[in-house]
Amino acid sequence: MPTGFRCKRAYDEPEDADGYRVLVDRLWPRGVSKDVARIDEWAKDVTPSNELRTWFHHDATADFAEFTRRYEAELTGDAQQEGLRTLRAEGERQRVTLVTAAKEPEHSHVAVLLKHLR
């Protein structure tokens, strides 16, 4: 079985090839039932804080580089580091699909998270 990490939107159909599915959003994706999502773990400890998430999504002047800097600073916390270690260990055992509701995962916290996991 393949190992490592990949990303998929919560609104895309789950597949067996996804392996271990981890929701990496602080909020549950709107309109997606838990049965349909087939989430194995909800890793809230590695998601951006409510304050950072709100700032990035609601402030027209928010820029991705500044968001990245702030999120990386948050990822240095003890709980976040433990969450990253847990995900890395899972990624060494099997494929891990990071599941998000973000419309553009490559311009979201998921891109930053993937960088730290790889």
Protein backbone atom coordinates (compact mmCIF):
# COMPACT_ATOMS: atom_id res chain seq x y z
CA MET A 1 0.00 0.00 0.00
CA PRO A 2 1.33 3.49 -0.84
CA THR A 3 2.47 5.72 2.00
CA GLY A 4 2.76 9.48 2.36
CA PHE A 5 0.33 12.35 2.12
CA ARG A 6 -2.09 13.80 -0.36
CA CYS A 7 -4.96 16.26 -0.22
CA LYS A 8 -8.59 15.95 -1.25
CA ARG A 9 -11.64 18.16 -0.92
CA ALA A 10 -14.35 17.02 1.49
CA TYR A 11 -16.89 17.33 -1.33
CA ASP A 12 -15.04 14.79 -3.52
CA GLU A 13 -16.09 11.15 -3.37
CA PRO A 14 -14.06 9.05 -0.89
CA GLU A 15 -12.07 6.23 -2.49
CA ASP A 16 -10.33 3.17 -1.10
CA ALA A 17 -7.05 4.62 -2.47
CA ASP A 18 -7.41 7.53 -0.01
CA GLY A 19 -6.18 5.30 2.79
CA TYR A 20 -6.46 6.98 6.19
CA ARG A 21 -8.69 10.07 5.81
CA VAL A 22 -7.95 12.98 8.14
CA LEU A 23 -10.12 16.09 8.30
CA VAL A 24 -7.78 19.07 8.74
CA ASP A 25 -10.38 21.85 9.07
CA ARG A 26 -11.45 23.37 12.37
CA LEU A 27 -15.12 23.31 11.28
CA TRP A 28 -16.99 20.33 9.86
CA PRO A 29 -17.60 20.79 6.09
CA ARG A 30 -21.03 22.24 5.44
CA GLY A 31 -23.50 19.81 3.91
CA VAL A 32 -21.31 16.70 4.26
CA SER A 33 -22.58 13.91 6.52
CA LYS A 34 -20.16 11.93 8.65
CA ASP A 35 -21.21 8.72 6.91
CA VAL A 36 -20.50 10.12 3.45
CA ALA A 37 -17.21 11.78 4.46
CA ARG A 38 -15.69 8.55 5.83
CA ILE A 39 -13.29 10.48 8.08
CA ASP A 40 -10.94 8.36 10.20
CA GLU A 41 -9.60 11.22 12.32
CA TRP A 42 -10.41 14.89 12.87
CA ALA A 43 -7.06 16.58 13.54
CA LYS A 44 -8.22 19.90 15.00
CA ASP A 45 -4.90 20.35 16.82
CA VAL A 46 -3.05 21.01 13.54
CA THR A 47 -5.61 23.42 12.09
CA PRO A 48 -5.27 27.22 12.21
CA SER A 49 -6.71 28.89 15.30
CA ASN A 50 -10.18 30.40 15.05
CA GLU A 51 -8.61 33.88 15.18
CA LEU A 52 -6.20 33.16 12.31
CA ARG A 53 -8.85 31.40 10.23
CA THR A 54 -11.29 34.29 10.68
CA TRP A 55 -8.64 36.89 9.86
CA PHE A 56 -7.59 35.10 6.66
CA HIS A 57 -11.12 34.48 5.39
CA HIS A 58 -12.74 37.77 6.34
CA ASP A 59 -10.03 40.43 6.00
CA ALA A 60 -9.75 41.71 2.43
CA THR A 61 -6.15 42.80 3.11
CA ALA A 62 -5.06 39.34 4.35
CA ASP A 63 -2.26 37.94 2.26
CA PHE A 64 -1.21 34.28 1.96
CA ALA A 65 2.43 34.92 2.84
CA GLU A 66 1.43 36.57 6.13
CA PHE A 67 -1.12 33.81 6.80
CA THR A 68 1.63 31.22 6.21
CA ARG A 69 3.99 33.00 8.60
CA ARG A 70 1.33 33.16 11.35
CA TYR A 71 0.18 29.56 10.83
CA GLU A 72 3.76 28.25 10.91
CA ALA A 73 4.21 30.09 14.21
CA GLU A 74 1.09 28.35 15.56
CA LEU A 75 2.43 24.97 14.45
CA THR A 76 5.36 25.32 16.89
CA GLY A 77 3.06 24.79 19.89
CA ASP A 78 3.28 21.57 21.92
CA ALA A 79 -0.17 20.26 20.93
CA GLN A 80 0.46 21.11 17.28
CA GLN A 81 3.87 19.41 17.29
CA GLU A 82 2.32 16.30 18.84
CA GLY A 83 -0.39 16.34 16.15
CA LEU A 84 2.24 16.64 13.41
CA ARG A 85 4.24 13.73 14.88
CA THR A 86 1.09 11.58 14.98
CA LEU A 87 0.24 12.36 11.35
CA ARG A 88 3.83 11.78 10.19
CA ALA A 89 3.87 8.37 11.91
CA GLU A 90 0.57 7.45 10.24
CA GLY A 91 1.97 8.60 6.89
CA GLU A 92 4.92 6.22 7.31
CA ARG A 93 2.50 3.29 7.78
CA GLN A 94 -0.03 4.06 5.05
CA ARG A 95 -1.34 6.67 2.66
CA VAL A 96 -2.91 9.62 4.50
CA THR A 97 -5.38 11.87 2.70
CA LEU A 98 -5.80 15.30 4.27
CA VAL A 99 -9.44 16.24 3.75
CA THR A 100 -10.51 19.89 3.58
CA ALA A 101 -13.46 22.00 2.54
CA ALA A 102 -11.13 24.70 1.17
CA LYS A 103 -12.01 25.64 -2.41
CA GLU A 104 -8.34 26.03 -3.31
CA PRO A 105 -6.32 23.72 -1.04
CA GLU A 106 -3.08 24.87 -2.67
CA HIS A 107 -3.78 28.39 -1.32
CA SER A 108 -4.90 27.34 2.15
CA HIS A 109 -3.55 26.00 5.40
CA VAL A 110 -3.39 22.54 3.79
CA ALA A 111 -0.46 23.57 1.57
CA VAL A 112 1.44 24.79 4.65
CA LEU A 113 0.52 21.65 6.59
CA LEU A 114 1.69 19.38 3.75
CA LYS A 115 5.03 21.19 3.69
CA HIS A 116 5.50 20.48 7.41
CA LEU A 117 4.45 16.85 7.11
CA ARG A 118 6.76 16.08 4.20
